[in-house]
N, C-alpha and C. Protein backbone atom coordinates (compact mmCIF):
# COMPACT_ATOMS: atom_id res chain seq x y z
N MET A 1 11.64 -45.07 18.20
CA MET A 1 11.99 -44.44 16.96
C MET A 1 10.81 -44.49 15.92
N LYS A 2 10.21 -45.66 15.86
CA LYS A 2 9.06 -45.82 14.97
C LYS A 2 7.92 -44.85 15.34
N GLY A 3 7.69 -44.61 16.66
CA GLY A 3 6.70 -43.73 17.20
C GLY A 3 7.02 -42.25 16.78
N ALA A 4 8.31 -41.88 16.84
CA ALA A 4 8.63 -40.56 16.55
C ALA A 4 8.47 -40.26 15.02
N LEU A 5 8.74 -41.31 14.23
CA LEU A 5 8.60 -41.16 12.76
C LEU A 5 7.08 -40.96 12.43
N ILE A 6 6.25 -41.77 13.09
CA ILE A 6 4.88 -41.65 12.85
C ILE A 6 4.32 -40.25 13.31
N PHE A 7 4.76 -39.79 14.49
CA PHE A 7 4.40 -38.44 14.87
C PHE A 7 4.82 -37.36 13.93
N PHE A 8 6.04 -37.48 13.47
CA PHE A 8 6.54 -36.48 12.49
C PHE A 8 5.69 -36.50 11.21
N LEU A 9 5.41 -37.68 10.71
CA LEU A 9 4.60 -37.77 9.44
C LEU A 9 3.17 -37.26 9.66
N LEU A 10 2.60 -37.44 10.85
CA LEU A 10 1.26 -37.01 11.06
C LEU A 10 1.21 -35.50 11.37
N ALA A 11 2.25 -34.99 12.04
CA ALA A 11 2.32 -33.57 12.44
C ALA A 11 2.70 -32.64 11.25
N SER A 12 3.45 -33.12 10.32
CA SER A 12 3.98 -32.34 9.22
C SER A 12 2.86 -31.56 8.44
N PRO A 13 1.77 -32.28 8.10
CA PRO A 13 0.68 -31.57 7.43
C PRO A 13 0.05 -30.44 8.26
N THR A 14 0.03 -30.65 9.60
CA THR A 14 -0.55 -29.55 10.46
C THR A 14 0.34 -28.33 10.39
N PHE A 15 1.72 -28.51 10.52
CA PHE A 15 2.59 -27.36 10.43
C PHE A 15 2.46 -26.66 9.13
N ALA A 16 2.32 -27.44 8.06
CA ALA A 16 2.21 -26.91 6.65
C ALA A 16 0.89 -26.19 6.54
N GLN A 17 -0.17 -26.66 7.20
CA GLN A 17 -1.48 -25.93 7.14
C GLN A 17 -1.43 -24.59 7.85
N ASP A 18 -0.70 -24.56 9.00
CA ASP A 18 -0.57 -23.28 9.67
C ASP A 18 0.15 -22.25 8.75
N LYS A 19 1.18 -22.58 8.09
CA LYS A 19 1.91 -21.66 7.20
C LYS A 19 1.00 -21.37 6.03
N LEU A 20 0.30 -22.36 5.53
CA LEU A 20 -0.61 -22.11 4.38
C LEU A 20 -1.75 -21.17 4.77
N ALA A 21 -2.26 -21.36 6.05
CA ALA A 21 -3.36 -20.51 6.51
C ALA A 21 -2.91 -19.07 6.57
N ASP A 22 -1.66 -18.85 7.09
CA ASP A 22 -1.16 -17.42 7.14
C ASP A 22 -1.03 -16.88 5.73
N THR A 23 -0.59 -17.63 4.79
CA THR A 23 -0.44 -17.16 3.41
C THR A 23 -1.73 -16.88 2.79
N VAL A 24 -2.76 -17.80 2.97
CA VAL A 24 -4.04 -17.68 2.35
C VAL A 24 -4.75 -16.47 2.94
N LEU A 25 -4.65 -16.23 4.29
CA LEU A 25 -5.37 -15.17 4.91
C LEU A 25 -4.77 -13.86 4.66
N ALA A 26 -3.43 -13.74 4.42
CA ALA A 26 -2.79 -12.43 4.23
C ALA A 26 -1.74 -12.51 3.09
N PRO A 27 -2.15 -12.71 1.87
CA PRO A 27 -1.15 -12.74 0.81
C PRO A 27 -0.49 -11.35 0.63
N GLY A 28 0.73 -11.30 0.41
CA GLY A 28 1.39 -10.08 0.25
C GLY A 28 2.06 -9.50 1.51
N CYS A 29 1.54 -9.92 2.71
CA CYS A 29 2.10 -9.41 3.98
C CYS A 29 3.44 -9.99 4.32
N GLY A 30 4.22 -9.36 5.10
CA GLY A 30 5.49 -9.83 5.51
C GLY A 30 5.40 -10.45 6.98
N ALA A 31 6.54 -10.55 7.55
CA ALA A 31 6.60 -11.15 8.90
C ALA A 31 5.95 -10.24 9.93
N GLU A 32 5.15 -10.88 10.81
CA GLU A 32 4.36 -10.08 11.76
C GLU A 32 5.20 -9.26 12.69
N ASP A 33 6.44 -9.68 13.05
CA ASP A 33 7.23 -8.97 14.01
C ASP A 33 8.04 -7.90 13.45
N ALA A 34 7.96 -7.65 12.15
CA ALA A 34 8.76 -6.57 11.48
C ALA A 34 8.12 -5.27 11.86
N LYS A 35 9.07 -4.28 12.23
CA LYS A 35 8.60 -2.99 12.54
C LYS A 35 9.45 -1.89 11.83
N PHE A 36 8.86 -0.72 11.63
CA PHE A 36 9.49 0.38 10.96
C PHE A 36 9.45 1.63 11.82
N ASP A 37 10.56 2.40 11.81
CA ASP A 37 10.54 3.76 12.28
C ASP A 37 10.27 4.69 11.09
N VAL A 38 9.28 5.54 11.27
CA VAL A 38 8.81 6.33 10.10
C VAL A 38 8.94 7.84 10.51
N LYS A 39 9.46 8.62 9.53
CA LYS A 39 9.49 10.01 9.65
C LYS A 39 8.66 10.60 8.43
N THR A 40 7.92 11.70 8.59
CA THR A 40 7.23 12.31 7.51
C THR A 40 7.73 13.69 7.28
N LEU A 41 7.85 14.04 6.05
CA LEU A 41 8.45 15.24 5.52
C LEU A 41 7.25 16.10 4.93
N LYS A 42 6.79 17.06 5.73
CA LYS A 42 5.61 17.82 5.32
C LYS A 42 5.85 18.73 4.09
N HIS A 43 6.96 19.20 3.88
CA HIS A 43 7.16 20.12 2.78
C HIS A 43 7.87 19.53 1.56
N GLN A 44 7.92 18.18 1.54
CA GLN A 44 8.49 17.55 0.38
C GLN A 44 7.42 16.67 -0.23
N HIS A 45 7.20 16.76 -1.50
CA HIS A 45 6.21 15.97 -2.14
C HIS A 45 6.82 15.30 -3.45
N PRO A 46 7.84 14.45 -3.26
CA PRO A 46 8.46 13.89 -4.40
C PRO A 46 7.55 13.05 -5.29
N VAL A 47 7.65 13.21 -6.50
CA VAL A 47 6.94 12.37 -7.55
C VAL A 47 7.91 11.99 -8.62
N THR A 48 7.81 10.76 -8.98
CA THR A 48 8.80 10.20 -10.00
C THR A 48 8.06 9.40 -11.06
N GLN A 49 8.71 9.04 -12.02
CA GLN A 49 8.15 8.19 -13.11
C GLN A 49 8.94 6.82 -13.08
N PRO A 50 8.22 5.81 -13.49
CA PRO A 50 8.95 4.51 -13.55
C PRO A 50 9.93 4.45 -14.67
N ASP A 51 10.98 3.61 -14.42
CA ASP A 51 11.85 3.35 -15.54
C ASP A 51 11.15 2.49 -16.57
N GLY A 52 11.67 2.40 -17.74
CA GLY A 52 10.90 1.66 -18.86
C GLY A 52 10.65 0.17 -18.59
N GLU A 53 11.44 -0.43 -17.65
CA GLU A 53 11.26 -1.85 -17.48
C GLU A 53 10.46 -2.19 -16.26
N LYS A 54 10.08 -1.23 -15.42
CA LYS A 54 9.31 -1.59 -14.24
C LYS A 54 8.09 -0.63 -14.15
N ALA A 55 7.22 -0.97 -13.17
CA ALA A 55 6.07 -0.13 -12.92
C ALA A 55 6.37 0.55 -11.52
N LEU A 56 5.62 1.58 -11.27
CA LEU A 56 5.78 2.34 -9.96
C LEU A 56 4.51 2.31 -9.23
N VAL A 57 4.56 2.05 -7.91
CA VAL A 57 3.38 1.94 -7.05
C VAL A 57 3.50 3.03 -5.97
N TYR A 58 2.43 3.83 -5.88
CA TYR A 58 2.42 4.85 -4.80
C TYR A 58 1.48 4.30 -3.76
N PHE A 59 1.97 4.20 -2.49
CA PHE A 59 1.22 3.71 -1.39
C PHE A 59 0.85 4.93 -0.48
N ILE A 60 -0.48 5.24 -0.41
CA ILE A 60 -0.96 6.46 0.20
C ILE A 60 -1.83 6.16 1.42
N GLU A 61 -1.39 6.54 2.59
CA GLU A 61 -2.20 6.45 3.83
C GLU A 61 -2.98 7.65 3.97
N ASP A 62 -4.36 7.45 4.08
CA ASP A 62 -5.25 8.58 4.26
C ASP A 62 -5.98 8.45 5.63
N ASP A 63 -5.54 9.31 6.61
CA ASP A 63 -6.14 9.20 7.91
C ASP A 63 -7.15 10.33 8.15
N SER A 64 -7.66 10.90 7.05
CA SER A 64 -8.58 12.01 7.21
C SER A 64 -9.90 11.76 7.89
N GLU A 65 -10.26 10.40 7.87
CA GLU A 65 -11.53 10.05 8.51
C GLU A 65 -11.28 9.26 9.81
N ASN A 66 -10.09 9.19 10.32
CA ASN A 66 -9.70 8.44 11.43
C ASN A 66 -10.20 9.20 12.74
N ASP A 67 -11.11 8.64 13.48
CA ASP A 67 -11.68 9.24 14.62
C ASP A 67 -10.79 9.08 15.83
N SER A 68 -9.56 9.61 15.75
CA SER A 68 -8.64 9.36 16.90
C SER A 68 -7.51 10.40 16.77
N ILE A 69 -6.94 10.75 17.91
CA ILE A 69 -5.75 11.51 17.93
C ILE A 69 -4.57 10.59 17.48
N PHE A 70 -4.67 9.35 17.88
CA PHE A 70 -3.71 8.38 17.57
C PHE A 70 -3.70 8.08 16.02
N LYS A 71 -2.53 8.15 15.40
CA LYS A 71 -2.42 7.82 14.04
C LYS A 71 -1.53 6.63 13.91
N PRO A 72 -2.06 5.55 13.25
CA PRO A 72 -1.23 4.32 13.16
C PRO A 72 -0.13 4.40 12.19
N THR A 73 0.85 3.58 12.38
CA THR A 73 1.89 3.27 11.34
C THR A 73 1.33 2.19 10.49
N ILE A 74 1.32 2.34 9.20
CA ILE A 74 0.80 1.29 8.35
C ILE A 74 1.97 0.75 7.53
N ARG A 75 2.12 -0.55 7.52
CA ARG A 75 3.20 -1.23 6.77
C ARG A 75 2.60 -1.57 5.38
N ALA A 76 3.48 -1.49 4.38
CA ALA A 76 3.11 -1.91 3.02
C ALA A 76 3.84 -3.17 2.65
N GLY A 77 3.09 -4.18 2.20
CA GLY A 77 3.69 -5.44 1.83
C GLY A 77 3.60 -5.73 0.34
N LEU A 78 4.59 -6.41 -0.19
CA LEU A 78 4.57 -6.84 -1.58
C LEU A 78 5.07 -8.19 -1.65
N ASP A 79 4.22 -9.16 -2.10
CA ASP A 79 4.62 -10.56 -2.37
C ASP A 79 5.29 -11.23 -1.18
N GLY A 80 4.75 -10.95 0.04
CA GLY A 80 5.24 -11.65 1.22
C GLY A 80 6.34 -10.98 1.99
N GLY A 81 6.68 -9.71 1.58
CA GLY A 81 7.74 -9.01 2.41
C GLY A 81 7.27 -7.53 2.48
N TRP A 82 7.72 -6.92 3.61
CA TRP A 82 7.40 -5.54 3.75
C TRP A 82 8.32 -4.64 2.96
N VAL A 83 7.81 -3.61 2.27
CA VAL A 83 8.60 -2.68 1.46
C VAL A 83 8.76 -1.28 2.07
N GLY A 84 7.92 -1.05 3.10
CA GLY A 84 7.99 0.33 3.68
C GLY A 84 6.83 0.50 4.64
N ALA A 85 6.67 1.81 5.07
CA ALA A 85 5.64 2.15 5.99
C ALA A 85 5.32 3.66 5.88
N THR A 86 4.15 4.01 6.32
CA THR A 86 3.64 5.36 6.45
C THR A 86 3.18 5.64 7.85
N HIS A 87 3.05 6.92 8.14
CA HIS A 87 2.45 7.26 9.46
C HIS A 87 1.57 8.56 9.25
N GLY A 88 0.36 8.42 9.71
CA GLY A 88 -0.55 9.57 9.43
C GLY A 88 -0.83 9.69 7.97
N SER A 89 -1.29 10.82 7.54
CA SER A 89 -1.65 10.97 6.12
C SER A 89 -0.33 11.31 5.36
N SER A 90 0.19 10.27 4.76
CA SER A 90 1.49 10.31 4.08
C SER A 90 1.58 9.26 2.99
N TYR A 91 2.67 9.24 2.27
CA TYR A 91 2.82 8.34 1.15
C TYR A 91 4.27 8.05 0.88
N PHE A 92 4.51 7.00 0.14
CA PHE A 92 5.85 6.75 -0.41
C PHE A 92 5.63 5.86 -1.71
N TYR A 93 6.70 5.58 -2.40
CA TYR A 93 6.50 4.81 -3.62
C TYR A 93 7.60 3.75 -3.73
N PHE A 94 7.37 2.74 -4.63
CA PHE A 94 8.32 1.66 -4.82
C PHE A 94 8.12 1.12 -6.27
N SER A 95 9.13 0.50 -6.80
CA SER A 95 9.10 -0.07 -8.06
C SER A 95 8.76 -1.59 -8.05
N VAL A 96 8.07 -2.09 -9.04
CA VAL A 96 7.79 -3.53 -9.16
C VAL A 96 8.05 -3.94 -10.60
N ALA A 97 8.39 -5.14 -10.71
CA ALA A 97 8.57 -5.82 -12.02
C ALA A 97 7.24 -6.03 -12.62
N PRO A 98 7.14 -6.10 -13.97
CA PRO A 98 5.83 -6.45 -14.60
C PRO A 98 5.35 -7.83 -14.14
N GLY A 99 4.03 -7.93 -14.12
CA GLY A 99 3.46 -9.27 -13.65
C GLY A 99 2.51 -9.07 -12.52
N GLU A 100 2.00 -10.20 -12.06
CA GLU A 100 1.04 -10.18 -10.99
C GLU A 100 1.74 -10.09 -9.58
N HIS A 101 1.20 -9.21 -8.75
CA HIS A 101 1.77 -9.00 -7.45
C HIS A 101 0.63 -8.98 -6.42
N HIS A 102 1.02 -9.36 -5.18
CA HIS A 102 0.04 -9.32 -4.03
C HIS A 102 0.51 -8.22 -3.10
N LEU A 103 -0.41 -7.30 -2.84
CA LEU A 103 -0.15 -6.19 -1.94
C LEU A 103 -0.88 -6.33 -0.65
N CYS A 104 -0.26 -5.79 0.42
CA CYS A 104 -0.85 -5.83 1.77
C CYS A 104 -0.68 -4.49 2.46
N ALA A 105 -1.65 -4.12 3.22
CA ALA A 105 -1.59 -2.96 4.15
C ALA A 105 -1.94 -3.47 5.52
N SER A 106 -1.13 -3.14 6.47
CA SER A 106 -1.31 -3.69 7.80
C SER A 106 -0.85 -2.66 8.90
N TRP A 107 -1.69 -2.53 9.90
CA TRP A 107 -1.30 -1.71 11.04
C TRP A 107 -0.07 -2.35 11.62
N GLN A 108 0.93 -1.57 12.01
CA GLN A 108 2.12 -2.09 12.70
C GLN A 108 1.65 -2.30 14.13
N PRO A 109 1.89 -3.49 14.67
CA PRO A 109 1.54 -3.75 16.03
C PRO A 109 2.29 -2.81 17.01
N LEU A 110 1.66 -2.46 18.09
CA LEU A 110 2.31 -1.55 19.11
C LEU A 110 3.33 -2.36 19.93
N GLU A 111 3.07 -3.59 20.23
CA GLU A 111 3.92 -4.44 21.05
C GLU A 111 4.51 -5.52 20.15
N VAL A 112 5.68 -6.00 20.55
CA VAL A 112 6.41 -7.02 19.75
C VAL A 112 5.57 -8.30 19.72
N SER A 113 4.92 -8.62 20.81
CA SER A 113 4.19 -9.89 20.86
C SER A 113 2.78 -9.81 20.27
N GLU A 114 2.35 -8.63 19.94
CA GLU A 114 1.04 -8.42 19.46
C GLU A 114 0.95 -8.67 17.93
N LYS A 115 -0.16 -9.28 17.49
CA LYS A 115 -0.43 -9.42 16.09
C LYS A 115 -1.14 -8.21 15.56
N SER A 116 -1.04 -7.93 14.27
CA SER A 116 -1.63 -6.76 13.71
C SER A 116 -3.19 -7.00 13.81
N ARG A 117 -3.81 -5.90 14.24
CA ARG A 117 -5.29 -5.98 14.43
C ARG A 117 -6.01 -5.59 13.17
N ALA A 118 -5.34 -5.01 12.22
CA ALA A 118 -6.06 -4.69 11.03
C ALA A 118 -5.13 -4.85 9.88
N ARG A 119 -5.61 -5.51 8.75
CA ARG A 119 -4.87 -5.64 7.57
C ARG A 119 -5.83 -5.81 6.39
N ALA A 120 -5.43 -5.46 5.21
CA ALA A 120 -6.20 -5.64 4.08
C ALA A 120 -5.22 -6.00 2.88
N VAL A 121 -5.71 -6.65 1.96
CA VAL A 121 -4.94 -7.12 0.74
C VAL A 121 -5.60 -6.83 -0.55
N THR A 122 -4.85 -6.73 -1.60
CA THR A 122 -5.34 -6.59 -2.94
C THR A 122 -4.29 -7.14 -3.87
N HIS A 123 -4.54 -7.14 -5.14
CA HIS A 123 -3.51 -7.63 -6.07
C HIS A 123 -3.38 -6.61 -7.19
N LEU A 124 -2.31 -6.73 -7.87
CA LEU A 124 -1.93 -5.76 -8.96
C LEU A 124 -1.31 -6.55 -10.11
N THR A 125 -1.79 -6.37 -11.32
CA THR A 125 -1.09 -6.91 -12.49
C THR A 125 -0.37 -5.68 -13.14
N ALA A 126 0.91 -5.62 -12.83
CA ALA A 126 1.70 -4.39 -13.26
C ALA A 126 2.22 -4.52 -14.62
N GLU A 127 2.21 -3.41 -15.36
CA GLU A 127 2.77 -3.37 -16.69
C GLU A 127 3.90 -2.35 -16.68
N ALA A 128 4.98 -2.70 -17.37
CA ALA A 128 6.15 -1.84 -17.39
C ALA A 128 5.82 -0.50 -17.84
N GLY A 129 6.41 0.62 -17.20
CA GLY A 129 6.14 1.95 -17.54
C GLY A 129 4.91 2.51 -16.92
N HIS A 130 4.10 1.76 -16.26
CA HIS A 130 2.77 2.35 -15.72
C HIS A 130 3.00 2.72 -14.32
N VAL A 131 2.08 3.64 -13.85
CA VAL A 131 2.06 4.11 -12.47
C VAL A 131 0.73 3.70 -11.83
N TYR A 132 0.80 3.22 -10.59
CA TYR A 132 -0.39 2.74 -9.83
C TYR A 132 -0.42 3.44 -8.53
N TYR A 133 -1.69 3.81 -8.10
CA TYR A 133 -1.90 4.43 -6.87
C TYR A 133 -2.86 3.61 -5.97
N PHE A 134 -2.45 3.39 -4.74
CA PHE A 134 -3.21 2.65 -3.81
C PHE A 134 -3.47 3.45 -2.49
N ARG A 135 -4.61 3.53 -2.03
CA ARG A 135 -4.98 4.25 -0.75
C ARG A 135 -5.38 3.28 0.30
N VAL A 136 -4.79 3.46 1.50
CA VAL A 136 -5.20 2.72 2.62
C VAL A 136 -5.82 3.68 3.63
N LYS A 137 -7.12 3.39 4.07
CA LYS A 137 -7.76 4.21 5.03
C LYS A 137 -8.03 3.45 6.34
N SER A 138 -7.64 4.07 7.44
CA SER A 138 -7.92 3.47 8.74
C SER A 138 -9.14 4.05 9.29
N HIS A 139 -9.92 3.22 9.97
CA HIS A 139 -11.13 3.70 10.66
C HIS A 139 -11.00 3.21 12.09
N TRP A 140 -10.82 4.13 13.02
CA TRP A 140 -10.73 3.81 14.42
C TRP A 140 -11.67 4.72 15.17
N ASN A 141 -12.56 4.12 15.94
CA ASN A 141 -13.54 4.87 16.71
C ASN A 141 -13.17 4.64 18.22
N ARG A 142 -12.63 5.69 18.84
CA ARG A 142 -12.18 5.60 20.23
C ARG A 142 -13.32 5.17 21.17
N ASN A 143 -14.61 5.58 20.86
CA ASN A 143 -15.73 5.29 21.71
C ASN A 143 -16.11 3.78 21.75
N TYR A 144 -15.88 3.12 20.58
CA TYR A 144 -16.31 1.76 20.46
C TYR A 144 -15.07 0.84 20.32
N GLY A 145 -13.92 1.34 20.11
CA GLY A 145 -12.72 0.50 19.93
C GLY A 145 -12.83 -0.17 18.61
N ALA A 146 -13.69 0.25 17.67
CA ALA A 146 -13.82 -0.41 16.39
C ALA A 146 -12.60 -0.06 15.52
N LEU A 147 -12.12 -1.01 14.76
CA LEU A 147 -11.02 -0.87 13.87
C LEU A 147 -11.30 -1.57 12.62
N ASN A 148 -10.99 -0.84 11.55
CA ASN A 148 -11.20 -1.34 10.20
C ASN A 148 -10.15 -0.69 9.27
N ILE A 149 -9.84 -1.31 8.22
CA ILE A 149 -8.86 -0.82 7.19
C ILE A 149 -9.42 -1.11 5.83
N ASP A 150 -9.36 -0.14 4.95
CA ASP A 150 -9.70 -0.27 3.53
C ASP A 150 -8.47 -0.03 2.72
N PHE A 151 -8.33 -0.81 1.69
CA PHE A 151 -7.17 -0.77 0.80
C PHE A 151 -7.59 -1.03 -0.61
N ALA A 152 -7.43 0.03 -1.47
CA ALA A 152 -7.93 -0.09 -2.86
C ALA A 152 -7.21 0.83 -3.79
N PRO A 153 -7.22 0.44 -5.09
CA PRO A 153 -6.58 1.33 -6.04
C PRO A 153 -7.29 2.66 -6.17
N LEU A 154 -6.58 3.63 -6.59
CA LEU A 154 -7.08 4.95 -6.76
C LEU A 154 -6.91 5.42 -8.20
N ASP A 155 -7.80 6.30 -8.60
CA ASP A 155 -7.64 7.06 -9.85
C ASP A 155 -6.37 7.92 -9.81
N SER A 156 -5.66 8.03 -10.84
CA SER A 156 -4.36 8.78 -10.77
C SER A 156 -4.52 10.20 -10.43
N ASP A 157 -5.62 10.86 -10.81
CA ASP A 157 -5.88 12.28 -10.43
C ASP A 157 -6.07 12.35 -8.91
N GLU A 158 -6.91 11.47 -8.40
CA GLU A 158 -7.08 11.54 -6.92
C GLU A 158 -5.80 11.17 -6.20
N GLY A 159 -5.04 10.23 -6.68
CA GLY A 159 -3.75 9.93 -6.06
C GLY A 159 -2.83 11.09 -6.03
N LYS A 160 -2.68 11.78 -7.12
CA LYS A 160 -1.85 13.01 -7.18
C LYS A 160 -2.35 14.11 -6.32
N LEU A 161 -3.64 14.28 -6.24
CA LEU A 161 -4.22 15.33 -5.30
C LEU A 161 -3.84 15.00 -3.86
N LEU A 162 -4.04 13.77 -3.44
CA LEU A 162 -3.69 13.40 -2.06
C LEU A 162 -2.24 13.61 -1.73
N MET A 163 -1.41 13.19 -2.71
CA MET A 163 0.03 13.30 -2.52
C MET A 163 0.47 14.76 -2.42
N SER A 164 -0.25 15.71 -3.06
CA SER A 164 0.10 17.08 -3.00
C SER A 164 -0.20 17.68 -1.68
N THR A 165 -1.06 17.09 -0.82
CA THR A 165 -1.41 17.63 0.46
C THR A 165 -0.83 16.79 1.59
N PHE A 166 -0.47 15.60 1.31
CA PHE A 166 0.02 14.69 2.41
C PHE A 166 1.53 14.77 2.47
N SER A 167 2.11 14.28 3.53
CA SER A 167 3.55 14.26 3.77
C SER A 167 4.20 13.13 3.04
N PHE A 168 5.45 13.25 2.79
CA PHE A 168 6.21 12.08 2.20
C PHE A 168 6.86 11.32 3.34
N SER A 169 6.72 10.02 3.31
CA SER A 169 7.24 9.12 4.37
C SER A 169 8.65 8.59 4.01
N THR A 170 9.51 8.65 5.01
CA THR A 170 10.85 8.01 4.95
C THR A 170 10.85 7.02 6.10
N PHE A 171 11.47 5.91 5.94
CA PHE A 171 11.38 4.80 7.00
C PHE A 171 12.68 3.98 6.92
N HIS A 172 12.88 3.29 8.01
CA HIS A 172 13.90 2.25 8.06
C HIS A 172 13.45 1.20 9.03
N PRO A 173 13.86 -0.05 8.82
CA PRO A 173 13.41 -1.13 9.72
C PRO A 173 13.95 -0.85 11.09
N ARG A 174 13.13 -1.15 12.07
CA ARG A 174 13.46 -1.09 13.46
C ARG A 174 14.29 -2.29 13.89
N LYS A 175 15.36 -2.04 14.64
CA LYS A 175 16.23 -3.19 15.12
C LYS A 175 15.88 -3.64 16.45
C-alpha cells in the first residue's frame, strides 16, 4: 500500500506535465480525435455583423498556394475546443465574448489514430462589436512531402475580398 502511494505521488507530476505540455504547445486547440464533416457552398457568401455584446471572428482557409490536388480539412479552435472546420478555399464565422482568446488552426488528421501534422496558434483580444479576420494557409509540396501552416490576422478589406471569392463552409462533428 505504501509503495502504491509513493508511486502515485511521484507519477502525478508526470501526468500533469504531459497535459501541461499539450496545452503549452497548442493553446486554443481541441481534442486531437475530433473530426468534422465539411460541405462548402460555392454560391453563398454570407456576411454578418456582431451583436453589440460580442465580437465576430471570420476563419478563412486559403489554399491558393497549396501545391497539391489534395485539399485539407482545417479545424478552427477557440480556447481549447473546436468551433468548426473548413475545406479548400472556404470560410465560416463564429462569435466570441470580449476578452483574451486563444485560437488554433489544425489539419484534421486523416486517420483516427493519427495526430495532426500541422497546426498553428495565435491569440486575440476581442472587443464587443468588432469584427476580426484570420487566414490559415496550408503549404504542401507533393514532391518533398513538406507540410507547413500559417495562421495570422488579416486586414478587413483583404478578408472581405477572399470571402467574396471563396466558398462558405458548413460542418458538423463526425460521429
